C-alpha atoms as a PDB file:
ATOM      1  CA  MET A   1       3.074 -17.685   1.304  1.00  0.00           C
ATOM      2  CA  SER A   2       5.321 -16.392   3.946  1.00  0.00           C
ATOM      3  CA  ALA A   3       6.887 -13.523   5.835  1.00  0.00           C
ATOM      4  CA  ASP A   4       9.231 -13.155   2.776  1.00  0.00           C
ATOM      5  CA  LEU A   5       6.343 -11.737   0.729  1.00  0.00           C
ATOM      6  CA  ALA A   6       5.443  -9.358   3.568  1.00  0.00           C
ATOM      7  CA  ALA A   7       9.092  -8.174   3.727  1.00  0.00           C
ATOM      8  CA  PHE A   8       9.147  -7.802  -0.071  1.00  0.00           C
ATOM      9  CA  LEU A   9       5.985  -5.817   0.012  1.00  0.00           C
ATOM     10  CA  ARG A  10       7.067  -3.552   2.847  1.00  0.00           C
ATOM     11  CA  ASP A  11      10.325  -2.775   0.975  1.00  0.00           C
ATOM     12  CA  ARG A  12       8.350  -1.691  -2.161  1.00  0.00           C
ATOM     13  CA  LEU A  13       5.977   0.351  -0.056  1.00  0.00           C
ATOM     14  CA  ASP A  14       9.025   2.087   1.626  1.00  0.00           C
ATOM     15  CA  GLU A  15      10.344   2.778  -1.924  1.00  0.00           C
ATOM     16  CA  ASP A  16       7.046   4.198  -3.012  1.00  0.00           C
ATOM     17  CA  GLU A  17       6.762   6.336   0.112  1.00  0.00           C
ATOM     18  CA  ARG A  18      10.270   7.787  -0.356  1.00  0.00           C
ATOM     19  CA  ILE A  19       9.408   8.866  -3.935  1.00  0.00           C
ATOM     20  CA  ALA A  20       6.082  10.423  -2.862  1.00  0.00           C
ATOM     21  CA  ALA A  21       7.519  12.135   0.134  1.00  0.00           C
ATOM     22  CA  ALA A  22      10.248  13.698  -2.048  1.00  0.00           C
ATOM     23  CA  VAL A  23       7.473  15.697  -3.828  1.00  0.00           C
ATOM     24  CA  LEU A  24       5.072  16.310  -0.863  1.00  0.00           C
ATOM     25  CA  GLY A  25       4.150  19.846  -0.389  1.00  0.00           C
ATOM     26  CA  ALA A  26       1.265  21.906  -1.590  1.00  0.00           C
ATOM     27  CA  SER A  27      -1.758  19.939  -2.921  1.00  0.00           C
ATOM     28  CA  TRP A  28      -1.903  19.566  -6.699  1.00  0.00           C
ATOM     29  CA  ILE A  29      -4.898  21.130  -8.595  1.00  0.00           C
ATOM     30  CA  ARG A  30      -6.106  21.452 -12.093  1.00  0.00           C
ATOM     31  CA  HIS A  31      -7.714  24.820 -13.026  1.00  0.00           C
ATOM     32  CA  GLU A  32     -10.827  24.457 -15.071  1.00  0.00           C
ATOM     33  CA  HIS A  33      -9.416  26.182 -18.266  1.00  0.00           C
ATOM     34  CA  VAL A  34      -5.959  24.565 -18.021  1.00  0.00           C
ATOM     35  CA  ALA A  35      -4.723  21.228 -19.290  1.00  0.00           C
ATOM     36  CA  GLY A  36      -2.021  20.940 -16.661  1.00  0.00           C
ATOM     37  CA  VAL A  37      -1.367  20.513 -13.008  1.00  0.00           C
ATOM     38  CA  HIS A  38      -0.230  23.114 -10.586  1.00  0.00           C
ATOM     39  CA  ALA A  39       0.678  23.168  -6.983  1.00  0.00           C
ATOM     40  CA  ASP A  40      -2.020  24.922  -4.880  1.00  0.00           C
ATOM     41  CA  ASP A  41       0.422  27.720  -3.946  1.00  0.00           C
ATOM     42  CA  ALA A  42      -0.660  30.627  -6.085  1.00  0.00           C
ATOM     43  CA  THR A  43       1.028  33.970  -5.562  1.00  0.00           C
ATOM     44  CA  PRO A  44       0.496  37.303  -7.382  1.00  0.00           C
ATOM     45  CA  GLY A  45       3.456  36.356  -9.687  1.00  0.00           C
ATOM     46  CA  ARG A  46       2.181  32.834 -10.316  1.00  0.00           C
ATOM     47  CA  PRO A  47      -1.619  33.047 -10.317  1.00  0.00           C
ATOM     48  CA  TYR A  48      -2.052  29.387 -11.086  1.00  0.00           C
ATOM     49  CA  GLY A  49       0.631  28.109  -8.738  1.00  0.00           C
ATOM     50  CA  THR A  50       3.779  26.324  -9.384  1.00  0.00           C
ATOM     51  CA  PRO A  51       3.569  24.114 -12.494  1.00  0.00           C
ATOM     52  CA  VAL A  52       3.706  20.396 -11.788  1.00  0.00           C
ATOM     53  CA  ALA A  53       2.874  18.933 -15.255  1.00  0.00           C
ATOM     54  CA  ASP A  54       2.032  20.489 -18.598  1.00  0.00           C
ATOM     55  CA  CYS A  55      -0.444  18.246 -20.411  1.00  0.00           C
ATOM     56  CA  ARG A  56      -1.212  20.586 -23.376  1.00  0.00           C
ATOM     57  CA  ARG A  57       1.012  19.024 -25.977  1.00  0.00           C
ATOM     58  CA  LEU A  58       0.412  15.345 -25.410  1.00  0.00           C
ATOM     59  CA  PRO A  59      -0.907  13.142 -28.101  1.00  0.00           C
ATOM     60  CA  GLY A  60      -4.673  12.996 -28.100  1.00  0.00           C
ATOM     61  CA  GLY A  61      -5.413  16.730 -27.974  1.00  0.00           C
ATOM     62  CA  TYR A  62      -6.608  19.105 -25.303  1.00  0.00           C
ATOM     63  CA  GLU A  63      -9.332  16.804 -23.855  1.00  0.00           C
ATOM     64  CA  HIS A  64      -6.876  13.918 -23.461  1.00  0.00           C
ATOM     65  CA  GLY A  65      -4.503  16.378 -21.756  1.00  0.00           C
ATOM     66  CA  VAL A  66      -7.344  17.390 -19.325  1.00  0.00           C
ATOM     67  CA  ASP A  67      -7.927  13.615 -18.539  1.00  0.00           C
ATOM     68  CA  ILE A  68      -4.224  13.094 -17.868  1.00  0.00           C
ATOM     69  CA  ALA A  69      -4.114  16.207 -15.660  1.00  0.00           C
ATOM     70  CA  GLU A  70      -7.101  14.895 -13.749  1.00  0.00           C
ATOM     71  CA  HIS A  71      -5.332  11.497 -13.190  1.00  0.00           C
ATOM     72  CA  ILE A  72      -2.219  13.230 -11.985  1.00  0.00           C
ATOM     73  CA  VAL A  73      -4.143  15.345  -9.526  1.00  0.00           C
ATOM     74  CA  ARG A  74      -6.090  12.339  -8.269  1.00  0.00           C
ATOM     75  CA  HIS A  75      -2.869  10.453  -7.574  1.00  0.00           C
ATOM     76  CA  GLN A  76      -0.870  13.217  -5.942  1.00  0.00           C
ATOM     77  CA  PRO A  77       1.713  12.417  -3.324  1.00  0.00           C
ATOM     78  CA  ALA A  78      -0.497  12.896  -0.248  1.00  0.00           C
ATOM     79  CA  ARG A  79      -3.024  10.306  -1.613  1.00  0.00           C
ATOM     80  CA  VAL A  80      -0.197   7.937  -2.439  1.00  0.00           C
ATOM     81  CA  VAL A  81       1.205   8.194   1.049  1.00  0.00           C
ATOM     82  CA  ALA A  82      -2.318   7.580   2.536  1.00  0.00           C
ATOM     83  CA  GLU A  83      -2.719   4.503   0.374  1.00  0.00           C
ATOM     84  CA  ILE A  84       0.680   3.208   1.431  1.00  0.00           C
ATOM     85  CA  GLU A  85      -0.255   3.533   5.077  1.00  0.00           C
ATOM     86  CA  ALA A  86      -3.422   1.509   4.425  1.00  0.00           C
ATOM     87  CA  LYS A  87      -1.494  -1.173   2.671  1.00  0.00           C
ATOM     88  CA  ARG A  88       1.030  -1.234   5.469  1.00  0.00           C
ATOM     89  CA  GLU A  89      -1.678  -1.849   7.971  1.00  0.00           C
ATOM     90  CA  ILE A  90      -3.011  -4.745   5.917  1.00  0.00           C
ATOM     91  CA  VAL A  91       0.475  -6.259   5.764  1.00  0.00           C
ATOM     92  CA  SER A  92       1.109  -5.678   9.458  1.00  0.00           C
ATOM     93  CA  ARG A  93      -2.090  -7.456  10.405  1.00  0.00           C
ATOM     94  CA  TYR A  94      -1.063 -10.438   8.199  1.00  0.00           C
ATOM     95  CA  VAL A  95       2.446 -10.554   9.843  1.00  0.00           C
ATOM     96  CA  VAL A  96       0.997 -10.266  13.342  1.00  0.00           C
ATOM     97  CA  ALA A  97      -1.358 -13.244  12.611  1.00  0.00           C
ATOM     98  CA  LEU A  98       1.591 -15.322  11.369  1.00  0.00           C
ATOM     99  CA  HIS A  99       3.892 -14.408  14.202  1.00  0.00           C
ATOM    100  CA  GLU A 100       1.329 -14.767  16.957  1.00  0.00           C
ATOM    101  CA  ARG A 101       0.343 -18.147  15.596  1.00  0.00           C
ATOM    102  CA  GLU A 102       3.955 -19.358  15.784  1.00  0.00           C
ATOM    103  CA  ALA A 103       4.321 -18.114  19.379  1.00  0.00           C
ATOM    104  CA  LEU A 104       1.014 -19.631  20.336  1.00  0.00           C
ATOM    105  CA  ARG A 105       1.949 -22.998  18.883  1.00  0.00           C
ATOM    106  CA  ALA A 106       5.180 -22.960  20.938  1.00  0.00           C
ATOM    107  CA  ARG A 107       3.116 -22.326  24.145  1.00  0.00           C
ATOM    108  CA  MET A 108       0.696 -25.091  23.189  1.00  0.00           C
ATOM    109  CA  ARG A 109       3.565 -27.609  22.597  1.00  0.00           C
ATOM    110  CA  GLY A 110       4.716 -26.782  26.019  1.00  0.00           C
ATOM    111  CA  MET A 111       1.276 -27.534  27.488  1.00  0.00           C
ATOM    112  CA  LEU A 112       0.787 -30.773  25.625  1.00  0.00           C
ATOM    113  CA  GLY A 113      -0.575 -33.434  27.976  1.00  0.00           C
ATOM    114  CA  GLU A 114      -1.860 -30.893  30.406  1.00  0.00           C
ATOM    115  CA  GLY A 115      -5.202 -30.412  28.683  1.00  0.00           C
ATOM    116  CA  GLY A 116      -7.724 -28.373  30.467  1.00  0.00           C
ATOM    117  CA  ASP A 117      -9.331 -25.130  29.916  1.00  0.00           C
ATOM    118  CA  ALA A 118      -6.294 -23.106  29.264  1.00  0.00           C
ATOM    119  CA  PHE A 119      -5.124 -25.386  26.320  1.00  0.00           C
ATOM    120  CA  GLY A 120      -8.617 -25.152  24.891  1.00  0.00           C
ATOM    121  CA  GLN A 121      -8.491 -21.360  25.010  1.00  0.00           C
ATOM    122  CA  LEU A 122      -5.169 -21.258  23.249  1.00  0.00           C
ATOM    123  CA  LEU A 123      -6.462 -23.666  20.636  1.00  0.00           C
ATOM    124  CA  GLU A 124      -9.451 -21.372  19.967  1.00  0.00           C
ATOM    125  CA  HIS A 125      -7.109 -18.385  19.751  1.00  0.00           C
ATOM    126  CA  GLU A 126      -5.018 -20.347  17.178  1.00  0.00           C
ATOM    127  CA  HIS A 127      -8.169 -20.980  15.089  1.00  0.00           C
ATOM    128  CA  VAL A 128      -8.837 -17.160  15.055  1.00  0.00           C
ATOM    129  CA  LEU A 129      -5.197 -16.420  13.930  1.00  0.00           C
ATOM    130  CA  ILE A 130      -5.501 -19.085  11.287  1.00  0.00           C
ATOM    131  CA  ARG A 131      -8.634 -17.549   9.930  1.00  0.00           C
ATOM    132  CA  ALA A 132      -7.124 -14.130   9.995  1.00  0.00           C
ATOM    133  CA  ALA A 133      -3.981 -15.266   8.135  1.00  0.00           C
ATOM    134  CA  GLU A 134      -6.128 -17.213   5.598  1.00  0.00           C
ATOM    135  CA  ALA A 135      -8.305 -14.183   4.926  1.00  0.00           C
ATOM    136  CA  LEU A 136      -5.372 -11.712   4.553  1.00  0.00           C
ATOM    137  CA  ALA A 137      -3.042 -14.018   2.533  1.00  0.00           C
ATOM    138  CA  PRO A 138      -4.933 -13.395  -0.830  1.00  0.00           C
ATOM    139  CA  VAL A 139      -5.187  -9.671  -0.074  1.00  0.00           C
ATOM    140  CA  VAL A 140      -1.407  -9.495   0.469  1.00  0.00           C
ATOM    141  CA  ARG A 141      -0.791 -11.346  -2.756  1.00  0.00           C
ATOM    142  CA  LEU A 142      -3.024  -8.846  -4.611  1.00  0.00           C
ATOM    143  CA  LEU A 143      -1.198  -5.987  -3.017  1.00  0.00           C
ATOM    144  CA  SER A 144       2.074  -7.354  -4.231  1.00  0.00           C
ATOM    145  CA  SER A 145       0.863  -7.912  -7.902  1.00  0.00           C
ATOM    146  CA  PRO A 146       1.802  -4.412  -9.130  1.00  0.00           C
ATOM    147  CA  TYR A 147       5.404  -5.238  -8.321  1.00  0.00           C
ATOM    148  CA  ALA A 148       5.500  -8.443 -10.310  1.00  0.00           C
ATOM    149  CA  ASP A 149       8.060  -6.882 -12.627  1.00  0.00           C
ATOM    150  CA  HIS A 150      10.455  -6.307  -9.761  1.00  0.00           C
ATOM    151  CA  PRO A 151      13.483  -8.645  -9.983  1.00  0.00           C
ATOM    152  CA  GLU A 152      12.895  -9.939  -6.333  1.00  0.00           C
ATOM    153  CA  TYR A 153       9.296 -10.828  -7.026  1.00  0.00           C
ATOM    154  CA  ARG A 154       8.586 -14.530  -6.886  1.00  0.00           C
ATOM    155  CA  GLU A 155       6.125 -16.345  -9.260  1.00  0.00           C
ATOM    156  CA  GLU A 156       4.799 -18.257  -6.238  1.00  0.00           C
ATOM    157  CA  TRP A 157       3.416 -14.981  -4.913  1.00  0.00           C
ATOM    158  CA  ARG A 158       1.102 -14.383  -7.899  1.00  0.00           C
ATOM    159  CA  PRO A 159      -2.571 -14.103  -6.942  1.00  0.00           C
END
């Protein structure tokens, strides 16, 4: 796995964020007696708030409409943006481990033959970075799996 996967995933997260940010605003709610979703921006003229999704006429009846409304409320834009930020942090930690390891190896090559305590400390730091990259690599693969249908997704990235 490589920085290519990290770049691919960052691009997909940017796309997801743009879509979620376009509809950010008031929180979404579902009123107890309504099979639909409304913005939490009620006014005297709109006592339930601005309609977001009408789930009353979906196949499966009223109860299924309520389940769909609950799903929509649970995955509202603010939550999507928070999840994107968490995923970005995971990807960033992976990329940092990869880049720091490359930089550290270059320093170590320059020290070859010197030996000593400084080289040993760099070697230990490299082991820490290797373990971090190895631990995060399968996580980054899993984070990319929802995008497997994207034309730029590579089969080698599958978990």
